[in-house]
Amino acid sequence: MKTEPALRLSEQEKGSQLWLKIKEHLENLNDRDRRRNDDTSLTEEETRVLRCTIKARKEILNLDF
């Protein structure tokens, strides 16, 4: 089975204003959702969805590493 090469941003892309705005926005959303995840009133399903959403955002944020 052939695997796809990892997608990574170039140094120029990492410093672009667009990426920096996207990155800040995603980090803010993750911070908000982490605080929400700490709320014990969430159902098991709501917690699972929230954690998956955070994980997906983290994968996007990891493009610049």
PDB file of N, CA and C in Angstrom:
ATOM      1  N   MET A   1       0.833  -1.171   0.000  1.00  0.00           N
ATOM      2  CA  MET A   1       0.000   0.000   0.000  1.00  0.00           C
ATOM      3  C   MET A   1       0.886   1.245   0.000  1.00  0.00           C
ATOM      4  N   LYS A   2       0.635   2.143  -0.916  1.00  0.00           N
ATOM      5  CA  LYS A   2       1.425   3.355  -1.052  1.00  0.00           C
ATOM      6  C   LYS A   2       0.844   4.459  -0.169  1.00  0.00           C
ATOM      7  N   THR A   3       1.703   5.118   0.614  1.00  0.00           N
ATOM      8  CA  THR A   3       1.242   6.206   1.461  1.00  0.00           C
ATOM      9  C   THR A   3       1.568   7.535   0.814  1.00  0.00           C
ATOM     10  N   GLU A   4       0.704   8.488   1.045  1.00  0.00           N
ATOM     11  CA  GLU A   4       0.901   9.831   0.513  1.00  0.00           C
ATOM     12  C   GLU A   4       1.944  10.565   1.349  1.00  0.00           C
ATOM     13  N   PRO A   5       2.776  11.386   0.705  1.00  0.00           N
ATOM     14  CA  PRO A   5       3.732  12.174   1.483  1.00  0.00           C
ATOM     15  C   PRO A   5       2.984  13.190   2.344  1.00  0.00           C
ATOM     16  N   ALA A   6       3.553  13.503   3.488  1.00  0.00           N
ATOM     17  CA  ALA A   6       2.916  14.454   4.404  1.00  0.00           C
ATOM     18  C   ALA A   6       2.877  15.847   3.780  1.00  0.00           C
ATOM     19  N   LEU A   7       1.755  16.500   3.936  1.00  0.00           N
ATOM     20  CA  LEU A   7       1.604  17.874   3.464  1.00  0.00           C
ATOM     21  C   LEU A   7       2.209  18.797   4.506  1.00  0.00           C
ATOM     22  N   ARG A   8       3.115  19.631   4.097  1.00  0.00           N
ATOM     23  CA  ARG A   8       3.746  20.592   4.997  1.00  0.00           C
ATOM     24  C   ARG A   8       3.786  21.947   4.308  1.00  0.00           C
ATOM     25  N   LEU A   9       3.681  22.991   5.106  1.00  0.00           N
ATOM     26  CA  LEU A   9       3.784  24.338   4.577  1.00  0.00           C
ATOM     27  C   LEU A   9       5.250  24.715   4.404  1.00  0.00           C
ATOM     28  N   SER A  10       5.516  25.508   3.369  1.00  0.00           N
ATOM     29  CA  SER A  10       6.872  26.018   3.178  1.00  0.00           C
ATOM     30  C   SER A  10       7.126  27.122   4.195  1.00  0.00           C
ATOM     31  N   GLU A  11       8.375  27.513   4.335  1.00  0.00           N
ATOM     32  CA  GLU A  11       8.721  28.594   5.263  1.00  0.00           C
ATOM     33  C   GLU A  11       7.983  29.872   4.892  1.00  0.00           C
ATOM     34  N   GLN A  12       7.869  30.136   3.609  1.00  0.00           N
ATOM     35  CA  GLN A  12       7.159  31.333   3.154  1.00  0.00           C
ATOM     36  C   GLN A  12       5.674  31.247   3.508  1.00  0.00           C
ATOM     37  N   GLU A  13       5.078  30.092   3.320  1.00  0.00           N
ATOM     38  CA  GLU A  13       3.659  29.908   3.645  1.00  0.00           C
ATOM     39  C   GLU A  13       3.404  30.048   5.149  1.00  0.00           C
ATOM     40  N   LYS A  14       4.332  29.524   5.959  1.00  0.00           N
ATOM     41  CA  LYS A  14       4.191  29.608   7.415  1.00  0.00           C
ATOM     42  C   LYS A  14       4.145  31.053   7.907  1.00  0.00           C
ATOM     43  N   GLY A  15       4.822  31.941   7.204  1.00  0.00           N
ATOM     44  CA  GLY A  15       4.881  33.336   7.614  1.00  0.00           C
ATOM     45  C   GLY A  15       3.841  34.221   6.964  1.00  0.00           C
ATOM     46  N   SER A  16       2.988  33.639   6.114  1.00  0.00           N
ATOM     47  CA  SER A  16       2.001  34.462   5.417  1.00  0.00           C
ATOM     48  C   SER A  16       0.925  34.959   6.377  1.00  0.00           C
ATOM     49  N   GLN A  17       0.418  36.136   6.107  1.00  0.00           N
ATOM     50  CA  GLN A  17      -0.618  36.721   6.949  1.00  0.00           C
ATOM     51  C   GLN A  17      -1.874  35.841   6.976  1.00  0.00           C
ATOM     52  N   LEU A  18      -2.213  35.235   5.851  1.00  0.00           N
ATOM     53  CA  LEU A  18      -3.391  34.370   5.809  1.00  0.00           C
ATOM     54  C   LEU A  18      -3.228  33.185   6.757  1.00  0.00           C
ATOM     55  N   TRP A  19      -2.078  32.495   6.674  1.00  0.00           N
ATOM     56  CA  TRP A  19      -1.871  31.337   7.549  1.00  0.00           C
ATOM     57  C   TRP A  19      -1.875  31.758   9.016  1.00  0.00           C
ATOM     58  N   LEU A  20      -1.225  32.875   9.329  1.00  0.00           N
ATOM     59  CA  LEU A  20      -1.167  33.329  10.715  1.00  0.00           C
ATOM     60  C   LEU A  20      -2.562  33.641  11.262  1.00  0.00           C
ATOM     61  N   LYS A  21      -3.430  34.197  10.424  1.00  0.00           N
ATOM     62  CA  LYS A  21      -4.808  34.467  10.851  1.00  0.00           C
ATOM     63  C   LYS A  21      -5.585  33.171  11.040  1.00  0.00           C
ATOM     64  N   ILE A  22      -5.426  32.252  10.103  1.00  0.00           N
ATOM     65  CA  ILE A  22      -6.106  30.951  10.214  1.00  0.00           C
ATOM     66  C   ILE A  22      -5.629  30.225  11.470  1.00  0.00           C
ATOM     67  N   LYS A  23      -4.327  30.218  11.679  1.00  0.00           N
ATOM     68  CA  LYS A  23      -3.749  29.533  12.839  1.00  0.00           C
ATOM     69  C   LYS A  23      -4.284  30.115  14.146  1.00  0.00           C
ATOM     70  N   GLU A  24      -4.302  31.429  14.250  1.00  0.00           N
ATOM     71  CA  GLU A  24      -4.808  32.077  15.462  1.00  0.00           C
ATOM     72  C   GLU A  24      -6.282  31.723  15.686  1.00  0.00           C
ATOM     73  N   HIS A  25      -7.057  31.737  14.619  1.00  0.00           N
ATOM     74  CA  HIS A  25      -8.479  31.419  14.726  1.00  0.00           C
ATOM     75  C   HIS A  25      -8.689  29.977  15.204  1.00  0.00           C
ATOM     76  N   LEU A  26      -7.968  29.035  14.610  1.00  0.00           N
ATOM     77  CA  LEU A  26      -8.111  27.635  15.003  1.00  0.00           C
ATOM     78  C   LEU A  26      -7.666  27.405  16.439  1.00  0.00           C
ATOM     79  N   GLU A  27      -6.589  28.061  16.848  1.00  0.00           N
ATOM     80  CA  GLU A  27      -6.119  27.937  18.233  1.00  0.00           C
ATOM     81  C   GLU A  27      -7.152  28.490  19.211  1.00  0.00           C
ATOM     82  N   ASN A  28      -7.781  29.607  18.863  1.00  0.00           N
ATOM     83  CA  ASN A  28      -8.824  30.172  19.712  1.00  0.00           C
ATOM     84  C   ASN A  28     -10.026  29.237  19.813  1.00  0.00           C
ATOM     85  N   LEU A  29     -10.418  28.645  18.691  1.00  0.00           N
ATOM     86  CA  LEU A  29     -11.527  27.688  18.708  1.00  0.00           C
ATOM     87  C   LEU A  29     -11.184  26.480  19.576  1.00  0.00           C
ATOM     88  N   ASN A  30      -9.954  25.977  19.459  1.00  0.00           N
ATOM     89  CA  ASN A  30      -9.546  24.835  20.279  1.00  0.00           C
ATOM     90  C   ASN A  30      -9.539  25.188  21.759  1.00  0.00           C
ATOM     91  N   ASP A  31      -9.072  26.376  22.099  1.00  0.00           N
ATOM     92  CA  ASP A  31      -9.085  26.802  23.504  1.00  0.00           C
ATOM     93  C   ASP A  31     -10.518  26.836  24.034  1.00  0.00           C
ATOM     94  N   ARG A  32     -11.416  27.407  23.238  1.00  0.00           N
ATOM     95  CA  ARG A  32     -12.826  27.471  23.642  1.00  0.00           C
ATOM     96  C   ARG A  32     -13.397  26.070  23.837  1.00  0.00           C
ATOM     97  N   ASP A  33     -13.120  25.186  22.887  1.00  0.00           N
ATOM     98  CA  ASP A  33     -13.680  23.840  22.954  1.00  0.00           C
ATOM     99  C   ASP A  33     -13.045  23.004  24.050  1.00  0.00           C
ATOM    100  N   ARG A  34     -11.788  23.250  24.376  1.00  0.00           N
ATOM    101  CA  ARG A  34     -11.169  22.539  25.507  1.00  0.00           C
ATOM    102  C   ARG A  34     -11.860  22.927  26.819  1.00  0.00           C
ATOM    103  N   ARG A  35     -12.169  24.215  26.939  1.00  0.00           N
ATOM    104  CA  ARG A  35     -12.899  24.650  28.136  1.00  0.00           C
ATOM    105  C   ARG A  35     -14.290  24.021  28.156  1.00  0.00           C
ATOM    106  N   ARG A  36     -14.933  23.957  27.021  1.00  0.00           N
ATOM    107  CA  ARG A  36     -16.254  23.316  26.935  1.00  0.00           C
ATOM    108  C   ARG A  36     -16.159  21.843  27.278  1.00  0.00           C
ATOM    109  N   ASN A  37     -15.084  21.201  26.863  1.00  0.00           N
ATOM    110  CA  ASN A  37     -14.898  19.778  27.122  1.00  0.00           C
ATOM    111  C   ASN A  37     -14.765  19.498  28.624  1.00  0.00           C
ATOM    112  N   ASP A  38     -14.274  20.475  29.358  1.00  0.00           N
ATOM    113  CA  ASP A  38     -14.143  20.327  30.808  1.00  0.00           C
ATOM    114  C   ASP A  38     -15.500  20.394  31.517  1.00  0.00           C
ATOM    115  N   ASP A  39     -16.518  20.842  30.801  1.00  0.00           N
ATOM    116  CA  ASP A  39     -17.864  20.944  31.364  1.00  0.00           C
ATOM    117  C   ASP A  39     -18.447  19.540  31.540  1.00  0.00           C
ATOM    118  N   THR A  40     -18.761  19.192  32.755  1.00  0.00           N
ATOM    119  CA  THR A  40     -19.241  17.837  33.039  1.00  0.00           C
ATOM    120  C   THR A  40     -20.681  17.601  32.604  1.00  0.00           C
ATOM    121  N   SER A  41     -21.358  18.641  32.126  1.00  0.00           N
ATOM    122  CA  SER A  41     -22.746  18.462  31.709  1.00  0.00           C
ATOM    123  C   SER A  41     -22.871  17.938  30.280  1.00  0.00           C
ATOM    124  N   LEU A  42     -21.753  17.796  29.576  1.00  0.00           N
ATOM    125  CA  LEU A  42     -21.803  17.282  28.207  1.00  0.00           C
ATOM    126  C   LEU A  42     -22.107  15.789  28.224  1.00  0.00           C
ATOM    127  N   THR A  43     -22.864  15.371  27.215  1.00  0.00           N
ATOM    128  CA  THR A  43     -23.121  13.942  27.080  1.00  0.00           C
ATOM    129  C   THR A  43     -21.876  13.267  26.513  1.00  0.00           C
ATOM    130  N   GLU A  44     -21.866  11.959  26.569  1.00  0.00           N
ATOM    131  CA  GLU A  44     -20.740  11.199  26.016  1.00  0.00           C
ATOM    132  C   GLU A  44     -20.576  11.489  24.524  1.00  0.00           C
ATOM    133  N   GLU A  45     -21.685  11.561  23.814  1.00  0.00           N
ATOM    134  CA  GLU A  45     -21.639  11.850  22.370  1.00  0.00           C
ATOM    135  C   GLU A  45     -21.121  13.265  22.105  1.00  0.00           C
ATOM    136  N   GLU A  46     -21.580  14.245  22.863  1.00  0.00           N
ATOM    137  CA  GLU A  46     -21.112  15.621  22.691  1.00  0.00           C
ATOM    138  C   GLU A  46     -19.616  15.716  22.969  1.00  0.00           C
ATOM    139  N   THR A  47     -19.155  15.011  23.971  1.00  0.00           N
ATOM    140  CA  THR A  47     -17.727  14.992  24.286  1.00  0.00           C
ATOM    141  C   THR A  47     -16.930  14.367  23.157  1.00  0.00           C
ATOM    142  N   ARG A  48     -17.416  13.266  22.616  1.00  0.00           N
ATOM    143  CA  ARG A  48     -16.729  12.589  21.517  1.00  0.00           C
ATOM    144  C   ARG A  48     -16.629  13.496  20.289  1.00  0.00           C
ATOM    145  N   VAL A  49     -17.730  14.167  19.948  1.00  0.00           N
ATOM    146  CA  VAL A  49     -17.732  15.075  18.790  1.00  0.00           C
ATOM    147  C   VAL A  49     -16.768  16.225  19.027  1.00  0.00           C
ATOM    148  N   LEU A  50     -16.787  16.784  20.212  1.00  0.00           N
ATOM    149  CA  LEU A  50     -15.908  17.902  20.538  1.00  0.00           C
ATOM    150  C   LEU A  50     -14.441  17.491  20.435  1.00  0.00           C
ATOM    151  N   ARG A  51     -14.103  16.337  20.967  1.00  0.00           N
ATOM    152  CA  ARG A  51     -12.717  15.861  20.906  1.00  0.00           C
ATOM    153  C   ARG A  51     -12.272  15.594  19.477  1.00  0.00           C
ATOM    154  N   CYS A  52     -13.162  15.064  18.660  1.00  0.00           N
ATOM    155  CA  CYS A  52     -12.823  14.821  17.247  1.00  0.00           C
ATOM    156  C   CYS A  52     -12.608  16.137  16.504  1.00  0.00           C
ATOM    157  N   THR A  53     -13.413  17.122  16.824  1.00  0.00           N
ATOM    158  CA  THR A  53     -13.268  18.440  16.198  1.00  0.00           C
ATOM    159  C   THR A  53     -11.933  19.064  16.569  1.00  0.00           C
ATOM    160  N   ILE A  54     -11.581  18.990  17.838  1.00  0.00           N
ATOM    161  CA  ILE A  54     -10.289  19.517  18.292  1.00  0.00           C
ATOM    162  C   ILE A  54      -9.144  18.782  17.598  1.00  0.00           C
ATOM    163  N   LYS A  55      -9.255  17.477  17.494  1.00  0.00           N
ATOM    164  CA  LYS A  55      -8.206  16.680  16.848  1.00  0.00           C
ATOM    165  C   LYS A  55      -8.046  17.073  15.381  1.00  0.00           C
ATOM    166  N   ALA A  56      -9.160  17.286  14.688  1.00  0.00           N
ATOM    167  CA  ALA A  56      -9.089  17.680  13.273  1.00  0.00           C
ATOM    168  C   ALA A  56      -8.405  19.035  13.124  1.00  0.00           C
ATOM    169  N   ARG A  57      -8.743  19.965  14.002  1.00  0.00           N
ATOM    170  CA  ARG A  57      -8.091  21.277  13.936  1.00  0.00           C
ATOM    171  C   ARG A  57      -6.597  21.160  14.212  1.00  0.00           C
ATOM    172  N   LYS A  58      -6.223  20.318  15.172  1.00  0.00           N
ATOM    173  CA  LYS A  58      -4.809  20.138  15.497  1.00  0.00           C
ATOM    174  C   LYS A  58      -4.042  19.579  14.298  1.00  0.00           C
ATOM    175  N   GLU A  59      -4.667  18.710  13.537  1.00  0.00           N
ATOM    176  CA  GLU A  59      -4.007  18.164  12.346  1.00  0.00           C
ATOM    177  C   GLU A  59      -3.734  19.275  11.337  1.00  0.00           C
ATOM    178  N   ILE A  60      -4.666  20.211  11.199  1.00  0.00           N
ATOM    179  CA  ILE A  60      -4.444  21.341  10.301  1.00  0.00           C
ATOM    180  C   ILE A  60      -3.322  22.217  10.858  1.00  0.00           C
ATOM    181  N   LEU A  61      -3.361  22.481  12.155  1.00  0.00           N
ATOM    182  CA  LEU A  61      -2.326  23.323  12.772  1.00  0.00           C
ATOM    183  C   LEU A  61      -0.942  22.694  12.647  1.00  0.00           C
ATOM    184  N   ASN A  62      -0.859  21.394  12.588  1.00  0.00           N
ATOM    185  CA  ASN A  62       0.434  20.708  12.481  1.00  0.00           C
ATOM    186  C   ASN A  62       1.064  20.814  11.089  1.00  0.00           C
ATOM    187  N   LEU A  63       0.379  21.437  10.152  1.00  0.00           N
ATOM    188  CA  LEU A  63       0.950  21.621   8.816  1.00  0.00           C
ATOM    189  C   LEU A  63       2.201  22.494   8.847  1.00  0.00           C
ATOM    190  N   ASP A  64       2.337  23.314   9.872  1.00  0.00           N
ATOM    191  CA  ASP A  64       3.505  24.207   9.886  1.00  0.00           C
ATOM    192  C   ASP A  64       4.654  23.716  10.751  1.00  0.00           C
ATOM    193  N   PHE A  65       4.640  22.434  11.126  1.00  0.00           N
ATOM    194  CA  PHE A  65       5.758  21.880  11.890  1.00  0.00           C
ATOM    195  C   PHE A  65       6.675  21.076  11.015  1.00  0.00           C
TER     196      PHE A  65
END
